Amino acid sequence: MITIEVRNNNADKAIKMLKKKVNAEGTLKDCRDKQFYEKPTDKRRRKKAQAIRRIERNIEKLYDEKEKNY
């Protein structure tokens, strides 16, 4: 359960803190994921594609860092 305390009637700051906590906890992502049924095969395919993108991004970062050092 997320609780946010509003101080000095500063609602904008409280909303910003709430958004940050909800994002960190992953609540919003879970809601979006569970909004519609997703077949198990589609889940596996999506997760595999995400993993491949993440790995490729990390490899690119590695090569970029090596190029900067030379």
PDB file of N, CA and C in Angstrom:
ATOM      1  N   MET A   1       0.844  -1.179   0.000  1.00  0.00           N
ATOM      2  CA  MET A   1       0.000   0.000   0.000  1.00  0.00           C
ATOM      3  C   MET A   1       0.886   1.238   0.000  1.00  0.00           C
ATOM      4  N   ILE A   2       0.623   2.126  -0.913  1.00  0.00           N
ATOM      5  CA  ILE A   2       1.401   3.346  -1.046  1.00  0.00           C
ATOM      6  C   ILE A   2       0.674   4.472  -0.302  1.00  0.00           C
ATOM      7  N   THR A   3       1.422   5.183   0.532  1.00  0.00           N
ATOM      8  CA  THR A   3       0.845   6.337   1.204  1.00  0.00           C
ATOM      9  C   THR A   3       1.720   7.547   0.929  1.00  0.00           C
ATOM     10  N   ILE A   4       1.067   8.653   0.644  1.00  0.00           N
ATOM     11  CA  ILE A   4       1.758   9.912   0.363  1.00  0.00           C
ATOM     12  C   ILE A   4       1.199  10.971   1.305  1.00  0.00           C
ATOM     13  N   GLU A   5       2.083  11.699   1.951  1.00  0.00           N
ATOM     14  CA  GLU A   5       1.661  12.760   2.854  1.00  0.00           C
ATOM     15  C   GLU A   5       1.788  14.095   2.124  1.00  0.00           C
ATOM     16  N   VAL A   6       0.704  14.859   2.102  1.00  0.00           N
ATOM     17  CA  VAL A   6       0.708  16.169   1.458  1.00  0.00           C
ATOM     18  C   VAL A   6       1.132  17.201   2.499  1.00  0.00           C
ATOM     19  N   ARG A   7       2.201  17.903   2.195  1.00  0.00           N
ATOM     20  CA  ARG A   7       2.725  18.898   3.125  1.00  0.00           C
ATOM     21  C   ARG A   7       2.505  20.303   2.560  1.00  0.00           C
ATOM     22  N   ASN A   8       2.093  21.197   3.400  1.00  0.00           N
ATOM     23  CA  ASN A   8       1.899  22.612   3.036  1.00  0.00           C
ATOM     24  C   ASN A   8       0.987  22.788   1.827  1.00  0.00           C
ATOM     25  N   ASN A   9      -0.018  21.947   1.703  1.00  0.00           N
ATOM     26  CA  ASN A   9      -0.976  22.014   0.593  1.00  0.00           C
ATOM     27  C   ASN A   9      -0.288  21.999  -0.766  1.00  0.00           C
ATOM     28  N   ASN A  10       0.824  21.290  -0.877  1.00  0.00           N
ATOM     29  CA  ASN A  10       1.569  21.203  -2.130  1.00  0.00           C
ATOM     30  C   ASN A  10       1.160  19.906  -2.840  1.00  0.00           C
ATOM     31  N   ALA A  11       0.039  19.963  -3.554  1.00  0.00           N
ATOM     32  CA  ALA A  11      -0.498  18.782  -4.217  1.00  0.00           C
ATOM     33  C   ALA A  11       0.360  18.359  -5.402  1.00  0.00           C
ATOM     34  N   ASP A  12       0.969  19.304  -6.094  1.00  0.00           N
ATOM     35  CA  ASP A  12       1.794  18.966  -7.261  1.00  0.00           C
ATOM     36  C   ASP A  12       2.975  18.079  -6.863  1.00  0.00           C
ATOM     37  N   LYS A  13       3.624  18.432  -5.778  1.00  0.00           N
ATOM     38  CA  LYS A  13       4.767  17.646  -5.310  1.00  0.00           C
ATOM     39  C   LYS A  13       4.300  16.264  -4.847  1.00  0.00           C
ATOM     40  N   ALA A  14       3.130  16.203  -4.197  1.00  0.00           N
ATOM     41  CA  ALA A  14       2.590  14.932  -3.734  1.00  0.00           C
ATOM     42  C   ALA A  14       2.257  14.017  -4.912  1.00  0.00           C
ATOM     43  N   ILE A  15       1.704  14.571  -5.980  1.00  0.00           N
ATOM     44  CA  ILE A  15       1.387  13.781  -7.172  1.00  0.00           C
ATOM     45  C   ILE A  15       2.663  13.258  -7.809  1.00  0.00           C
ATOM     46  N   LYS A  16       3.696  14.108  -7.850  1.00  0.00           N
ATOM     47  CA  LYS A  16       4.970  13.698  -8.425  1.00  0.00           C
ATOM     48  C   LYS A  16       5.574  12.542  -7.620  1.00  0.00           C
ATOM     49  N   MET A  17       5.483  12.631  -6.292  1.00  0.00           N
ATOM     50  CA  MET A  17       5.995  11.556  -5.429  1.00  0.00           C
ATOM     51  C   MET A  17       5.197  10.273  -5.627  1.00  0.00           C
ATOM     52  N   LEU A  18       3.868  10.417  -5.763  1.00  0.00           N
ATOM     53  CA  LEU A  18       3.009   9.255  -5.968  1.00  0.00           C
ATOM     54  C   LEU A  18       3.358   8.549  -7.273  1.00  0.00           C
ATOM     55  N   LYS A  19       3.522   9.319  -8.338  1.00  0.00           N
ATOM     56  CA  LYS A  19       3.868   8.734  -9.635  1.00  0.00           C
ATOM     57  C   LYS A  19       5.196   7.998  -9.562  1.00  0.00           C
ATOM     58  N   LYS A  20       6.165   8.579  -8.864  1.00  0.00           N
ATOM     59  CA  LYS A  20       7.478   7.959  -8.735  1.00  0.00           C
ATOM     60  C   LYS A  20       7.383   6.632  -7.978  1.00  0.00           C
ATOM     61  N   LYS A  21       6.594   6.608  -6.887  1.00  0.00           N
ATOM     62  CA  LYS A  21       6.450   5.383  -6.092  1.00  0.00           C
ATOM     63  C   LYS A  21       5.694   4.307  -6.866  1.00  0.00           C
ATOM     64  N   VAL A  22       4.641   4.699  -7.573  1.00  0.00           N
ATOM     65  CA  VAL A  22       3.862   3.736  -8.355  1.00  0.00           C
ATOM     66  C   VAL A  22       4.720   3.141  -9.461  1.00  0.00           C
ATOM     67  N   ASN A  23       5.534   3.963 -10.102  1.00  0.00           N
ATOM     68  CA  ASN A  23       6.414   3.498 -11.162  1.00  0.00           C
ATOM     69  C   ASN A  23       7.470   2.547 -10.609  1.00  0.00           C
ATOM     70  N   ALA A  24       8.048   2.891  -9.460  1.00  0.00           N
ATOM     71  CA  ALA A  24       9.082   2.049  -8.862  1.00  0.00           C
ATOM     72  C   ALA A  24       8.514   0.704  -8.425  1.00  0.00           C
ATOM     73  N   GLU A  25       7.296   0.707  -7.952  1.00  0.00           N
ATOM     74  CA  GLU A  25       6.676  -0.532  -7.478  1.00  0.00           C
ATOM     75  C   GLU A  25       6.190  -1.402  -8.631  1.00  0.00           C
ATOM     76  N   GLY A  26       5.938  -0.798  -9.786  1.00  0.00           N
ATOM     77  CA  GLY A  26       5.484  -1.549 -10.946  1.00  0.00           C
ATOM     78  C   GLY A  26       3.992  -1.799 -10.969  1.00  0.00           C
ATOM     79  N   THR A  27       3.247  -1.054 -10.197  1.00  0.00           N
ATOM     80  CA  THR A  27       1.802  -1.242 -10.099  1.00  0.00           C
ATOM     81  C   THR A  27       1.113  -0.956 -11.426  1.00  0.00           C
ATOM     82  N   LEU A  28       1.476   0.142 -12.046  1.00  0.00           N
ATOM     83  CA  LEU A  28       0.840   0.546 -13.291  1.00  0.00           C
ATOM     84  C   LEU A  28       1.126  -0.452 -14.409  1.00  0.00           C
ATOM     85  N   LYS A  29       2.352  -0.946 -14.465  1.00  0.00           N
ATOM     86  CA  LYS A  29       2.734  -1.922 -15.484  1.00  0.00           C
ATOM     87  C   LYS A  29       1.936  -3.209 -15.319  1.00  0.00           C
ATOM     88  N   ASP A  30       1.767  -3.648 -14.067  1.00  0.00           N
ATOM     89  CA  ASP A  30       0.973  -4.849 -13.809  1.00  0.00           C
ATOM     90  C   ASP A  30      -0.468  -4.669 -14.265  1.00  0.00           C
ATOM     91  N   CYS A  31      -1.032  -3.506 -14.002  1.00  0.00           N
ATOM     92  CA  CYS A  31      -2.415  -3.244 -14.411  1.00  0.00           C
ATOM     93  C   CYS A  31      -2.552  -3.310 -15.930  1.00  0.00           C
ATOM     94  N   ARG A  32      -1.578  -2.713 -16.640  1.00  0.00           N
ATOM     95  CA  ARG A  32      -1.636  -2.744 -18.097  1.00  0.00           C
ATOM     96  C   ARG A  32      -1.476  -4.169 -18.618  1.00  0.00           C
ATOM     97  N   ASP A  33      -0.581  -4.919 -18.006  1.00  0.00           N
ATOM     98  CA  ASP A  33      -0.341  -6.289 -18.459  1.00  0.00           C
ATOM     99  C   ASP A  33      -1.553  -7.180 -18.219  1.00  0.00           C
ATOM    100  N   LYS A  34      -2.260  -6.972 -17.134  1.00  0.00           N
ATOM    101  CA  LYS A  34      -3.389  -7.835 -16.780  1.00  0.00           C
ATOM    102  C   LYS A  34      -4.723  -7.310 -17.302  1.00  0.00           C
ATOM    103  N   GLN A  35      -4.687  -6.233 -18.064  1.00  0.00           N
ATOM    104  CA  GLN A  35      -5.929  -5.658 -18.582  1.00  0.00           C
ATOM    105  C   GLN A  35      -6.603  -6.615 -19.567  1.00  0.00           C
ATOM    106  N   PHE A  36      -5.796  -7.297 -20.391  1.00  0.00           N
ATOM    107  CA  PHE A  36      -6.324  -8.254 -21.355  1.00  0.00           C
ATOM    108  C   PHE A  36      -5.599  -9.573 -21.180  1.00  0.00           C
ATOM    109  N   TYR A  37      -6.262 -10.653 -21.540  1.00  0.00           N
ATOM    110  CA  TYR A  37      -5.634 -11.966 -21.447  1.00  0.00           C
ATOM    111  C   TYR A  37      -4.575 -12.097 -22.534  1.00  0.00           C
ATOM    112  N   GLU A  38      -3.442 -12.641 -22.141  1.00  0.00           N
ATOM    113  CA  GLU A  38      -2.362 -12.879 -23.091  1.00  0.00           C
ATOM    114  C   GLU A  38      -2.018 -14.363 -23.033  1.00  0.00           C
ATOM    115  N   LYS A  39      -2.010 -14.988 -24.196  1.00  0.00           N
ATOM    116  CA  LYS A  39      -1.706 -16.416 -24.249  1.00  0.00           C
ATOM    117  C   LYS A  39      -0.297 -16.674 -23.719  1.00  0.00           C
ATOM    118  N   PRO A  40      -0.080 -17.822 -23.101  1.00  0.00           N
ATOM    119  CA  PRO A  40       1.257 -18.142 -22.586  1.00  0.00           C
ATOM    120  C   PRO A  40       2.331 -18.112 -23.674  1.00  0.00           C
ATOM    121  N   THR A  41       1.990 -18.558 -24.890  1.00  0.00           N
ATOM    122  CA  THR A  41       2.992 -18.533 -25.967  1.00  0.00           C
ATOM    123  C   THR A  41       3.342 -17.098 -26.341  1.00  0.00           C
ATOM    124  N   ASP A  42       2.331 -16.206 -26.332  1.00  0.00           N
ATOM    125  CA  ASP A  42       2.591 -14.801 -26.639  1.00  0.00           C
ATOM    126  C   ASP A  42       3.439 -14.152 -25.549  1.00  0.00           C
ATOM    127  N   LYS A  43       3.196 -14.543 -24.288  1.00  0.00           N
ATOM    128  CA  LYS A  43       4.004 -14.016 -23.186  1.00  0.00           C
ATOM    129  C   LYS A  43       5.458 -14.410 -23.356  1.00  0.00           C
ATOM    130  N   ARG A  44       5.679 -15.684 -23.660  1.00  0.00           N
ATOM    131  CA  ARG A  44       7.057 -16.162 -23.842  1.00  0.00           C
ATOM    132  C   ARG A  44       7.719 -15.441 -25.007  1.00  0.00           C
ATOM    133  N   ARG A  45       6.989 -15.267 -26.099  1.00  0.00           N
ATOM    134  CA  ARG A  45       7.541 -14.590 -27.271  1.00  0.00           C
ATOM    135  C   ARG A  45       7.895 -13.140 -26.948  1.00  0.00           C
ATOM    136  N   ARG A  46       7.010 -12.440 -26.222  1.00  0.00           N
ATOM    137  CA  ARG A  46       7.253 -11.046 -25.865  1.00  0.00           C
ATOM    138  C   ARG A  46       8.451 -10.916 -24.925  1.00  0.00           C
ATOM    139  N   LYS A  47       8.520 -11.795 -23.927  1.00  0.00           N
ATOM    140  CA  LYS A  47       9.633 -11.740 -22.980  1.00  0.00           C
ATOM    141  C   LYS A  47      10.960 -12.065 -23.649  1.00  0.00           C
ATOM    142  N   LYS A  48      10.943 -13.005 -24.593  1.00  0.00           N
ATOM    143  CA  LYS A  48      12.162 -13.351 -25.306  1.00  0.00           C
ATOM    144  C   LYS A  48      12.625 -12.173 -26.167  1.00  0.00           C
ATOM    145  N   ALA A  49      11.681 -11.505 -26.828  1.00  0.00           N
ATOM    146  CA  ALA A  49      12.029 -10.350 -27.655  1.00  0.00           C
ATOM    147  C   ALA A  49      12.579  -9.220 -26.790  1.00  0.00           C
ATOM    148  N   GLN A  50      12.001  -9.013 -25.608  1.00  0.00           N
ATOM    149  CA  GLN A  50      12.504  -7.988 -24.700  1.00  0.00           C
ATOM    150  C   GLN A  50      13.915  -8.314 -24.246  1.00  0.00           C
ATOM    151  N   ALA A  51      14.176  -9.582 -23.957  1.00  0.00           N
ATOM    152  CA  ALA A  51      15.504  -9.998 -23.515  1.00  0.00           C
ATOM    153  C   ALA A  51      16.529  -9.769 -24.619  1.00  0.00           C
ATOM    154  N   ILE A  52      16.163 -10.090 -25.846  1.00  0.00           N
ATOM    155  CA  ILE A  52      17.084  -9.893 -26.972  1.00  0.00           C
ATOM    156  C   ILE A  52      17.398  -8.410 -27.142  1.00  0.00           C
ATOM    157  N   ARG A  53      16.376  -7.550 -27.063  1.00  0.00           N
ATOM    158  CA  ARG A  53      16.603  -6.110 -27.185  1.00  0.00           C
ATOM    159  C   ARG A  53      17.509  -5.605 -26.066  1.00  0.00           C
ATOM    160  N   ARG A  54      17.269  -6.094 -24.840  1.00  0.00           N
ATOM    161  CA  ARG A  54      18.070  -5.666 -23.704  1.00  0.00           C
ATOM    162  C   ARG A  54      19.534  -6.078 -23.881  1.00  0.00           C
ATOM    163  N   ILE A  55      19.748  -7.310 -24.336  1.00  0.00           N
ATOM    164  CA  ILE A  55      21.115  -7.804 -24.550  1.00  0.00           C
ATOM    165  C   ILE A  55      21.806  -7.003 -25.643  1.00  0.00           C
ATOM    166  N   GLU A  56      21.124  -6.746 -26.741  1.00  0.00           N
ATOM    167  CA  GLU A  56      21.716  -5.967 -27.838  1.00  0.00           C
ATOM    168  C   GLU A  56      22.070  -4.560 -27.381  1.00  0.00           C
ATOM    169  N   ARG A  57      21.202  -3.960 -26.565  1.00  0.00           N
ATOM    170  CA  ARG A  57      21.475  -2.624 -26.051  1.00  0.00           C
ATOM    171  C   ARG A  57      22.723  -2.635 -25.165  1.00  0.00           C
ATOM    172  N   ASN A  58      22.846  -3.662 -24.324  1.00  0.00           N
ATOM    173  CA  ASN A  58      24.015  -3.759 -23.452  1.00  0.00           C
ATOM    174  C   ASN A  58      25.288  -3.965 -24.254  1.00  0.00           C
ATOM    175  N   ILE A  59      25.216  -4.753 -25.314  1.00  0.00           N
ATOM    176  CA  ILE A  59      26.391  -4.980 -26.159  1.00  0.00           C
ATOM    177  C   ILE A  59      26.806  -3.678 -26.843  1.00  0.00           C
ATOM    178  N   GLU A  60      25.827  -2.915 -27.332  1.00  0.00           N
ATOM    179  CA  GLU A  60      26.138  -1.636 -27.968  1.00  0.00           C
ATOM    180  C   GLU A  60      26.802  -0.686 -26.977  1.00  0.00           C
ATOM    181  N   LYS A  61      26.300  -0.647 -25.755  1.00  0.00           N
ATOM    182  CA  LYS A  61      26.898   0.211 -24.736  1.00  0.00           C
ATOM    183  C   LYS A  61      28.330  -0.208 -24.456  1.00  0.00           C
ATOM    184  N   LEU A  62      28.566  -1.512 -24.410  1.00  0.00           N
ATOM    185  CA  LEU A  62      29.906  -2.026 -24.156  1.00  0.00           C
ATOM    186  C   LEU A  62      30.872  -1.569 -25.236  1.00  0.00           C
ATOM    187  N   TYR A  63      30.484  -1.722 -26.497  1.00  0.00           N
ATOM    188  CA  TYR A  63      31.344  -1.313 -27.605  1.00  0.00           C
ATOM    189  C   TYR A  63      31.569   0.191 -27.616  1.00  0.00           C
ATOM    190  N   ASP A  64      30.526   0.966 -27.300  1.00  0.00           N
ATOM    191  CA  ASP A  64      30.671   2.420 -27.256  1.00  0.00           C
ATOM    192  C   ASP A  64      31.673   2.835 -26.179  1.00  0.00           C
ATOM    193  N   GLU A  65      31.616   2.174 -25.021  1.00  0.00           N
ATOM    194  CA  GLU A  65      32.550   2.498 -23.946  1.00  0.00           C
ATOM    195  C   GLU A  65      33.979   2.148 -24.343  1.00  0.00           C
ATOM    196  N   LYS A  66      34.164   1.022 -25.048  1.00  0.00           N
ATOM    197  CA  LYS A  66      35.505   0.626 -25.478  1.00  0.00           C
ATOM    198  C   LYS A  66      36.051   1.627 -26.484  1.00  0.00           C
ATOM    199  N   GLU A  67      35.200   2.120 -27.399  1.00  0.00           N
ATOM    200  CA  GLU A  67      35.634   3.088 -28.399  1.00  0.00           C
ATOM    201  C   GLU A  67      36.043   4.403 -27.753  1.00  0.00           C
ATOM    202  N   LYS A  68      35.354   4.796 -26.708  1.00  0.00           N
ATOM    203  CA  LYS A  68      35.664   6.055 -26.025  1.00  0.00           C
ATOM    204  C   LYS A  68      37.019   5.960 -25.333  1.00  0.00           C
ATOM    205  N   ASN A  69      37.369   4.773 -24.862  1.00  0.00           N
ATOM    206  CA  ASN A  69      38.628   4.603 -24.130  1.00  0.00           C
ATOM    207  C   ASN A  69      39.842   4.645 -25.058  1.00  0.00           C
ATOM    208  N   TYR A  70      39.643   4.396 -26.331  1.00  0.00           N
ATOM    209  CA  TYR A  70      40.789   4.377 -27.257  1.00  0.00           C
ATOM    210  C   TYR A  70      41.054   5.710 -27.861  1.00  0.00           C
TER     211      TYR A  70
END
